[in-house]
Amino acid sequence: MNPTNLLRVDFNPAQVLLSFLLAFALSFLWATVYRKTHSGIAYARSFYLTVILMAPAVAMIMMAIGSNVALSLGLVGSLSIVRFRTVIKDAKDMLFLFVAIGIGLACGANAWMIGVIGTAVIGLVTVLVTKIGYDRVGSSDYILVFRSEQREPWTQIPADAQKLISWKQLRSATDIDSGSEFEYTYSVRLAPKVSPESVVSGLSNGKIRQVTVIAPENHLDL
């Protein structure tokens, strides 16, 4: 056996160029889906760029390795040395990164149709789920925070004001002033056609003070 055959990789320049261009195009479309469906105040530009460049990078590795056993073992050894310390806070970001890797694998293996169809189907489903709102907290779900001297503050709220909230669950009760005042945090769901401002004005009285209604992060999508 000729030792040089272990390191030789056969490639077609036109095929390599087409794989790179398709990987860039599909990853750019997938990154656009990330930007349009991202939940939060602002999307991470660095992660957006990572999604775009991940597919071409993986495609390059796939084309370089091909069916070469020696190169594949070398890649495994290299990855075992490198330590990745980046923390992905949003679980949905992991999906975007994983699909970008899948695009690169498909393009690098010349399975172009799989890459195109997979990107289109997953992208369409992601957009539909985001627009319909299946991934979001209900639009009437909020966090209610207030202070009271009573250990059972809900009994101090008038019946008319209680009707503003259709569901509630106590999350925490904190002693603020050595037992003379407490801060309560509730998960609440507002009644239909009730605004947070109505809850603040309706609950505020002499025994319920500093009423605050906080929208979850999912309500702040751009």
C-alpha atoms as a PDB file:
ATOM      1  CA  MET A   1       0.000   0.000   0.000  1.00  0.00           C
ATOM      2  CA  ASN A   2       1.317   3.439  -0.905  1.00  0.00           C
ATOM      3  CA  PRO A   3       1.447   5.597   2.299  1.00  0.00           C
ATOM      4  CA  THR A   4       0.623   8.726   0.317  1.00  0.00           C
ATOM      5  CA  ASN A   5      -2.791   7.299  -0.504  1.00  0.00           C
ATOM      6  CA  LEU A   6      -3.811   7.736   3.128  1.00  0.00           C
ATOM      7  CA  LEU A   7      -3.536  11.512   2.831  1.00  0.00           C
ATOM      8  CA  ARG A   8      -4.806  11.942  -0.704  1.00  0.00           C
ATOM      9  CA  VAL A   9      -8.230  13.485  -1.178  1.00  0.00           C
ATOM     10  CA  ASP A  10      -9.852  13.454  -4.611  1.00  0.00           C
ATOM     11  CA  PHE A  11     -12.076  16.424  -5.399  1.00  0.00           C
ATOM     12  CA  ASN A  12     -13.772  18.181  -8.259  1.00  0.00           C
ATOM     13  CA  PRO A  13     -13.207  21.979  -8.144  1.00  0.00           C
ATOM     14  CA  ALA A  14     -16.614  22.752  -9.653  1.00  0.00           C
ATOM     15  CA  GLN A  15     -18.324  20.425  -7.205  1.00  0.00           C
ATOM     16  CA  VAL A  16     -16.436  21.931  -4.263  1.00  0.00           C
ATOM     17  CA  LEU A  17     -17.372  25.466  -5.333  1.00  0.00           C
ATOM     18  CA  LEU A  18     -21.026  24.517  -5.730  1.00  0.00           C
ATOM     19  CA  SER A  19     -21.061  22.898  -2.286  1.00  0.00           C
ATOM     20  CA  PHE A  20     -19.578  26.038  -0.718  1.00  0.00           C
ATOM     21  CA  LEU A  21     -22.011  28.377  -2.469  1.00  0.00           C
ATOM     22  CA  LEU A  22     -24.998  26.245  -1.514  1.00  0.00           C
ATOM     23  CA  ALA A  23     -23.798  26.007   2.094  1.00  0.00           C
ATOM     24  CA  PHE A  24     -23.462  29.806   2.258  1.00  0.00           C
ATOM     25  CA  ALA A  25     -26.888  30.360   0.683  1.00  0.00           C
ATOM     26  CA  LEU A  26     -28.727  27.884   2.906  1.00  0.00           C
ATOM     27  CA  SER A  27     -26.968  29.023   6.076  1.00  0.00           C
ATOM     28  CA  PHE A  28     -27.779  32.657   5.242  1.00  0.00           C
ATOM     29  CA  LEU A  29     -31.463  31.768   4.842  1.00  0.00           C
ATOM     30  CA  TRP A  30     -31.369  29.810   8.095  1.00  0.00           C
ATOM     31  CA  ALA A  31     -29.680  32.734   9.883  1.00  0.00           C
ATOM     32  CA  THR A  32     -32.416  35.022   8.543  1.00  0.00           C
ATOM     33  CA  VAL A  33     -34.999  32.710  10.119  1.00  0.00           C
ATOM     34  CA  TYR A  34     -33.086  33.044  13.402  1.00  0.00           C
ATOM     35  CA  ARG A  35     -33.099  36.840  13.157  1.00  0.00           C
ATOM     36  CA  LYS A  36     -36.813  37.029  12.323  1.00  0.00           C
ATOM     37  CA  THR A  37     -37.967  34.574  14.977  1.00  0.00           C
ATOM     38  CA  HIS A  38     -35.557  35.467  17.789  1.00  0.00           C
ATOM     39  CA  SER A  39     -37.275  36.278  21.076  1.00  0.00           C
ATOM     40  CA  GLY A  40     -35.767  38.983  23.248  1.00  0.00           C
ATOM     41  CA  ILE A  41     -34.774  42.628  23.124  1.00  0.00           C
ATOM     42  CA  ALA A  42     -32.115  42.105  20.453  1.00  0.00           C
ATOM     43  CA  TYR A  43     -30.570  39.130  18.722  1.00  0.00           C
ATOM     44  CA  ALA A  44     -26.889  38.316  19.208  1.00  0.00           C
ATOM     45  CA  ARG A  45     -25.018  39.477  16.101  1.00  0.00           C
ATOM     46  CA  SER A  46     -22.083  37.209  16.884  1.00  0.00           C
ATOM     47  CA  PHE A  47     -24.377  34.168  16.999  1.00  0.00           C
ATOM     48  CA  TYR A  48     -26.048  35.328  13.766  1.00  0.00           C
ATOM     49  CA  LEU A  49     -22.635  35.385  12.073  1.00  0.00           C
ATOM     50  CA  THR A  50     -21.776  32.013  13.613  1.00  0.00           C
ATOM     51  CA  VAL A  51     -24.886  30.419  12.098  1.00  0.00           C
ATOM     52  CA  ILE A  52     -23.942  31.795   8.664  1.00  0.00           C
ATOM     53  CA  LEU A  53     -20.338  30.585   8.779  1.00  0.00           C
ATOM     54  CA  MET A  54     -20.936  27.266  10.528  1.00  0.00           C
ATOM     55  CA  ALA A  55     -22.356  25.450   7.490  1.00  0.00           C
ATOM     56  CA  PRO A  56     -19.515  26.374   5.070  1.00  0.00           C
ATOM     57  CA  ALA A  57     -16.948  25.471   7.725  1.00  0.00           C
ATOM     58  CA  VAL A  58     -18.513  22.054   8.320  1.00  0.00           C
ATOM     59  CA  ALA A  59     -18.861  21.523   4.562  1.00  0.00           C
ATOM     60  CA  MET A  60     -15.144  22.248   4.126  1.00  0.00           C
ATOM     61  CA  ILE A  61     -14.267  19.692   6.806  1.00  0.00           C
ATOM     62  CA  MET A  62     -16.584  17.105   5.255  1.00  0.00           C
ATOM     63  CA  MET A  63     -15.108  17.581   1.782  1.00  0.00           C
ATOM     64  CA  ALA A  64     -11.563  17.466   3.142  1.00  0.00           C
ATOM     65  CA  ILE A  65     -12.184  14.230   5.014  1.00  0.00           C
ATOM     66  CA  GLY A  66     -14.356  12.451   2.472  1.00  0.00           C
ATOM     67  CA  SER A  67     -13.847   8.737   3.059  1.00  0.00           C
ATOM     68  CA  ASN A  68     -10.287   9.188   4.315  1.00  0.00           C
ATOM     69  CA  VAL A  69      -9.911   7.278   7.577  1.00  0.00           C
ATOM     70  CA  ALA A  70      -6.632   8.952   8.535  1.00  0.00           C
ATOM     71  CA  LEU A  71      -8.067  12.465   8.256  1.00  0.00           C
ATOM     72  CA  SER A  72     -11.225  11.535  10.160  1.00  0.00           C
ATOM     73  CA  LEU A  73      -9.155  10.152  13.027  1.00  0.00           C
ATOM     74  CA  GLY A  74      -7.069  13.315  12.998  1.00  0.00           C
ATOM     75  CA  LEU A  75     -10.218  15.429  13.252  1.00  0.00           C
ATOM     76  CA  VAL A  76     -11.446  13.429  16.243  1.00  0.00           C
ATOM     77  CA  GLY A  77      -8.092  13.904  17.936  1.00  0.00           C
ATOM     78  CA  SER A  78      -8.124  17.645  17.269  1.00  0.00           C
ATOM     79  CA  LEU A  79     -11.626  18.083  18.674  1.00  0.00           C
ATOM     80  CA  SER A  80     -10.653  16.141  21.797  1.00  0.00           C
ATOM     81  CA  ILE A  81      -7.933  18.722  22.480  1.00  0.00           C
ATOM     82  CA  VAL A  82     -10.016  21.845  21.863  1.00  0.00           C
ATOM     83  CA  ARG A  83     -12.234  22.948  24.751  1.00  0.00           C
ATOM     84  CA  PHE A  84     -15.411  24.810  23.859  1.00  0.00           C
ATOM     85  CA  ARG A  85     -16.434  27.109  26.709  1.00  0.00           C
ATOM     86  CA  THR A  86     -19.182  29.135  25.032  1.00  0.00           C
ATOM     87  CA  VAL A  87     -22.445  28.895  26.980  1.00  0.00           C
ATOM     88  CA  ILE A  88     -25.670  28.923  24.951  1.00  0.00           C
ATOM     89  CA  LYS A  89     -28.353  30.425  27.204  1.00  0.00           C
ATOM     90  CA  ASP A  90     -31.380  29.935  24.960  1.00  0.00           C
ATOM     91  CA  ALA A  91     -32.245  26.322  24.154  1.00  0.00           C
ATOM     92  CA  LYS A  92     -33.645  27.429  20.796  1.00  0.00           C
ATOM     93  CA  ASP A  93     -30.216  28.758  19.816  1.00  0.00           C
ATOM     94  CA  MET A  94     -28.914  25.203  20.114  1.00  0.00           C
ATOM     95  CA  LEU A  95     -31.412  24.163  17.444  1.00  0.00           C
ATOM     96  CA  PHE A  96     -30.210  26.857  15.038  1.00  0.00           C
ATOM     97  CA  LEU A  97     -26.602  25.842  15.562  1.00  0.00           C
ATOM     98  CA  PHE A  98     -27.412  22.146  15.141  1.00  0.00           C
ATOM     99  CA  VAL A  99     -29.336  22.738  11.898  1.00  0.00           C
ATOM    100  CA  ALA A 100     -26.456  24.879  10.578  1.00  0.00           C
ATOM    101  CA  ILE A 101     -24.146  21.933  11.214  1.00  0.00           C
ATOM    102  CA  GLY A 102     -26.621  19.664   9.417  1.00  0.00           C
ATOM    103  CA  ILE A 103     -26.619  22.004   6.410  1.00  0.00           C
ATOM    104  CA  GLY A 104     -22.836  21.837   6.306  1.00  0.00           C
ATOM    105  CA  LEU A 105     -22.858  18.044   6.536  1.00  0.00           C
ATOM    106  CA  ALA A 106     -25.393  17.745   3.706  1.00  0.00           C
ATOM    107  CA  CYS A 107     -23.524  20.144   1.421  1.00  0.00           C
ATOM    108  CA  GLY A 108     -20.141  18.634   2.240  1.00  0.00           C
ATOM    109  CA  ALA A 109     -21.443  15.139   1.450  1.00  0.00           C
ATOM    110  CA  ASN A 110     -22.930  16.412  -1.849  1.00  0.00           C
ATOM    111  CA  ALA A 111     -26.422  15.590  -0.570  1.00  0.00           C
ATOM    112  CA  TRP A 112     -27.608  18.945  -1.851  1.00  0.00           C
ATOM    113  CA  MET A 113     -31.289  18.075  -2.162  1.00  0.00           C
ATOM    114  CA  ILE A 114     -31.390  16.936   1.472  1.00  0.00           C
ATOM    115  CA  GLY A 115     -29.869  20.255   2.542  1.00  0.00           C
ATOM    116  CA  VAL A 116     -32.319  22.316   0.487  1.00  0.00           C
ATOM    117  CA  ILE A 117     -35.444  20.402   1.505  1.00  0.00           C
ATOM    118  CA  GLY A 118     -34.368  20.140   5.144  1.00  0.00           C
ATOM    119  CA  THR A 119     -33.635  23.859   5.430  1.00  0.00           C
ATOM    120  CA  ALA A 120     -36.935  24.772   3.762  1.00  0.00           C
ATOM    121  CA  VAL A 121     -39.076  22.452   5.885  1.00  0.00           C
ATOM    122  CA  ILE A 122     -37.433  23.238   9.236  1.00  0.00           C
ATOM    123  CA  GLY A 123     -37.352  26.962   8.461  1.00  0.00           C
ATOM    124  CA  LEU A 124     -41.032  27.019   7.497  1.00  0.00           C
ATOM    125  CA  VAL A 125     -42.056  25.104  10.623  1.00  0.00           C
ATOM    126  CA  THR A 126     -39.970  27.421  12.822  1.00  0.00           C
ATOM    127  CA  VAL A 127     -41.574  30.538  11.332  1.00  0.00           C
ATOM    128  CA  LEU A 128     -45.106  29.129  11.617  1.00  0.00           C
ATOM    129  CA  VAL A 129     -44.658  28.010  15.220  1.00  0.00           C
ATOM    130  CA  THR A 130     -43.234  31.409  16.167  1.00  0.00           C
ATOM    131  CA  LYS A 131     -45.926  33.422  14.371  1.00  0.00           C
ATOM    132  CA  ILE A 132     -48.792  31.333  15.723  1.00  0.00           C
ATOM    133  CA  GLY A 133     -47.319  31.632  19.193  1.00  0.00           C
ATOM    134  CA  TYR A 134     -47.147  28.020  20.357  1.00  0.00           C
ATOM    135  CA  ASP A 135     -43.700  28.711  21.841  1.00  0.00           C
ATOM    136  CA  ARG A 136     -44.815  31.691  23.901  1.00  0.00           C
ATOM    137  CA  VAL A 137     -46.408  32.228  27.249  1.00  0.00           C
ATOM    138  CA  GLY A 138     -50.045  33.291  27.020  1.00  0.00           C
ATOM    139  CA  SER A 139     -50.441  36.974  26.211  1.00  0.00           C
ATOM    140  CA  SER A 140     -52.330  37.512  29.478  1.00  0.00           C
ATOM    141  CA  ASP A 141     -49.738  35.861  31.763  1.00  0.00           C
ATOM    142  CA  TYR A 142     -47.777  38.204  34.036  1.00  0.00           C
ATOM    143  CA  ILE A 143     -45.776  38.400  37.246  1.00  0.00           C
ATOM    144  CA  LEU A 144     -47.511  40.344  40.038  1.00  0.00           C
ATOM    145  CA  VAL A 145     -45.420  41.839  42.853  1.00  0.00           C
ATOM    146  CA  PHE A 146     -46.752  43.873  45.783  1.00  0.00           C
ATOM    147  CA  ARG A 147     -46.159  44.590  49.454  1.00  0.00           C
ATOM    148  CA  SER A 148     -48.530  44.152  52.366  1.00  0.00           C
ATOM    149  CA  GLU A 149     -48.518  43.959  56.150  1.00  0.00           C
ATOM    150  CA  GLN A 150     -50.944  41.034  56.037  1.00  0.00           C
ATOM    151  CA  ARG A 151     -49.892  37.381  56.019  1.00  0.00           C
ATOM    152  CA  GLU A 152     -52.876  36.553  53.806  1.00  0.00           C
ATOM    153  CA  PRO A 153     -52.951  39.627  51.565  1.00  0.00           C
ATOM    154  CA  TRP A 154     -55.421  38.289  49.020  1.00  0.00           C
ATOM    155  CA  THR A 155     -58.222  38.548  51.574  1.00  0.00           C
ATOM    156  CA  GLN A 156     -57.570  42.305  51.757  1.00  0.00           C
ATOM    157  CA  ILE A 157     -58.271  42.811  48.071  1.00  0.00           C
ATOM    158  CA  PRO A 158     -61.847  43.827  47.167  1.00  0.00           C
ATOM    159  CA  ALA A 159     -63.924  41.257  45.297  1.00  0.00           C
ATOM    160  CA  ASP A 160     -64.216  43.512  42.234  1.00  0.00           C
ATOM    161  CA  ALA A 161     -60.438  43.811  42.036  1.00  0.00           C
ATOM    162  CA  GLN A 162     -59.982  40.047  42.406  1.00  0.00           C
ATOM    163  CA  LYS A 163     -62.124  39.528  39.313  1.00  0.00           C
ATOM    164  CA  LEU A 164     -59.421  41.254  37.269  1.00  0.00           C
ATOM    165  CA  ILE A 165     -57.275  38.136  37.717  1.00  0.00           C
ATOM    166  CA  SER A 166     -58.597  34.800  36.468  1.00  0.00           C
ATOM    167  CA  TRP A 167     -55.778  32.654  37.865  1.00  0.00           C
ATOM    168  CA  LYS A 168     -52.971  33.125  40.381  1.00  0.00           C
ATOM    169  CA  GLN A 169     -50.192  31.123  42.007  1.00  0.00           C
ATOM    170  CA  LEU A 170     -47.947  32.279  44.843  1.00  0.00           C
ATOM    171  CA  ARG A 171     -44.279  32.121  43.841  1.00  0.00           C
ATOM    172  CA  SER A 172     -42.576  33.702  46.847  1.00  0.00           C
ATOM    173  CA  ALA A 173     -43.201  35.606  50.072  1.00  0.00           C
ATOM    174  CA  THR A 174     -40.337  37.663  51.502  1.00  0.00           C
ATOM    175  CA  ASP A 175     -40.097  39.220  54.956  1.00  0.00           C
ATOM    176  CA  ILE A 176     -39.125  42.845  54.326  1.00  0.00           C
ATOM    177  CA  ASP A 177     -39.225  44.404  57.802  1.00  0.00           C
ATOM    178  CA  SER A 178     -38.921  41.768  60.557  1.00  0.00           C
ATOM    179  CA  GLY A 179     -42.451  40.478  60.165  1.00  0.00           C
ATOM    180  CA  SER A 180     -44.140  43.868  59.868  1.00  0.00           C
ATOM    181  CA  GLU A 181     -44.174  43.914  56.062  1.00  0.00           C
ATOM    182  CA  PHE A 182     -43.972  41.250  53.365  1.00  0.00           C
ATOM    183  CA  GLU A 183     -43.326  41.256  49.630  1.00  0.00           C
ATOM    184  CA  TYR A 184     -45.384  38.770  47.610  1.00  0.00           C
ATOM    185  CA  THR A 185     -44.737  37.508  44.102  1.00  0.00           C
ATOM    186  CA  TYR A 186     -47.505  35.795  42.125  1.00  0.00           C
ATOM    187  CA  SER A 187     -47.799  34.271  38.689  1.00  0.00           C
ATOM    188  CA  VAL A 188     -51.122  35.583  37.415  1.00  0.00           C
ATOM    189  CA  ARG A 189     -53.333  35.415  34.364  1.00  0.00           C
ATOM    190  CA  LEU A 190     -55.439  38.472  33.679  1.00  0.00           C
ATOM    191  CA  ALA A 191     -59.123  38.214  32.893  1.00  0.00           C
ATOM    192  CA  PRO A 192     -60.156  38.864  29.271  1.00  0.00           C
ATOM    193  CA  LYS A 193     -59.824  42.494  28.145  1.00  0.00           C
ATOM    194  CA  VAL A 194     -58.059  43.485  31.386  1.00  0.00           C
ATOM    195  CA  SER A 195     -54.894  45.574  31.081  1.00  0.00           C
ATOM    196  CA  PRO A 196     -51.933  45.564  33.501  1.00  0.00           C
ATOM    197  CA  GLU A 197     -52.705  49.196  34.321  1.00  0.00           C
ATOM    198  CA  SER A 198     -56.181  48.199  35.490  1.00  0.00           C
ATOM    199  CA  VAL A 199     -54.680  45.593  37.811  1.00  0.00           C
ATOM    200  CA  VAL A 200     -52.258  48.103  39.338  1.00  0.00           C
ATOM    201  CA  SER A 201     -54.990  50.658  40.018  1.00  0.00           C
ATOM    202  CA  GLY A 202     -57.523  48.031  41.138  1.00  0.00           C
ATOM    203  CA  LEU A 203     -55.253  46.289  43.653  1.00  0.00           C
ATOM    204  CA  SER A 204     -53.619  49.377  45.136  1.00  0.00           C
ATOM    205  CA  ASN A 205     -55.190  50.387  48.437  1.00  0.00           C
ATOM    206  CA  GLY A 206     -54.124  51.141  51.977  1.00  0.00           C
ATOM    207  CA  LYS A 207     -53.195  47.530  52.727  1.00  0.00           C
ATOM    208  CA  ILE A 208     -51.756  46.581  49.319  1.00  0.00           C
ATOM    209  CA  ARG A 209     -48.872  48.830  48.267  1.00  0.00           C
ATOM    210  CA  GLN A 210     -46.215  49.110  45.561  1.00  0.00           C
ATOM    211  CA  VAL A 211     -48.142  46.978  43.085  1.00  0.00           C
ATOM    212  CA  THR A 212     -46.061  46.015  40.058  1.00  0.00           C
ATOM    213  CA  VAL A 213     -47.105  43.964  37.030  1.00  0.00           C
ATOM    214  CA  ILE A 214     -44.161  42.520  35.096  1.00  0.00           C
ATOM    215  CA  ALA A 215     -44.408  41.053  31.613  1.00  0.00           C
ATOM    216  CA  PRO A 216     -42.396  37.867  30.989  1.00  0.00           C
ATOM    217  CA  GLU A 217     -39.487  38.079  28.548  1.00  0.00           C
ATOM    218  CA  ASN A 218     -41.575  36.323  25.894  1.00  0.00           C
ATOM    219  CA  HIS A 219     -43.854  39.392  25.766  1.00  0.00           C
ATOM    220  CA  LEU A 220     -40.926  41.538  24.635  1.00  0.00           C
ATOM    221  CA  ASP A 221     -40.333  39.894  21.260  1.00  0.00           C
ATOM    222  CA  LEU A 222     -39.315  42.167  18.440  1.00  0.00           C
END
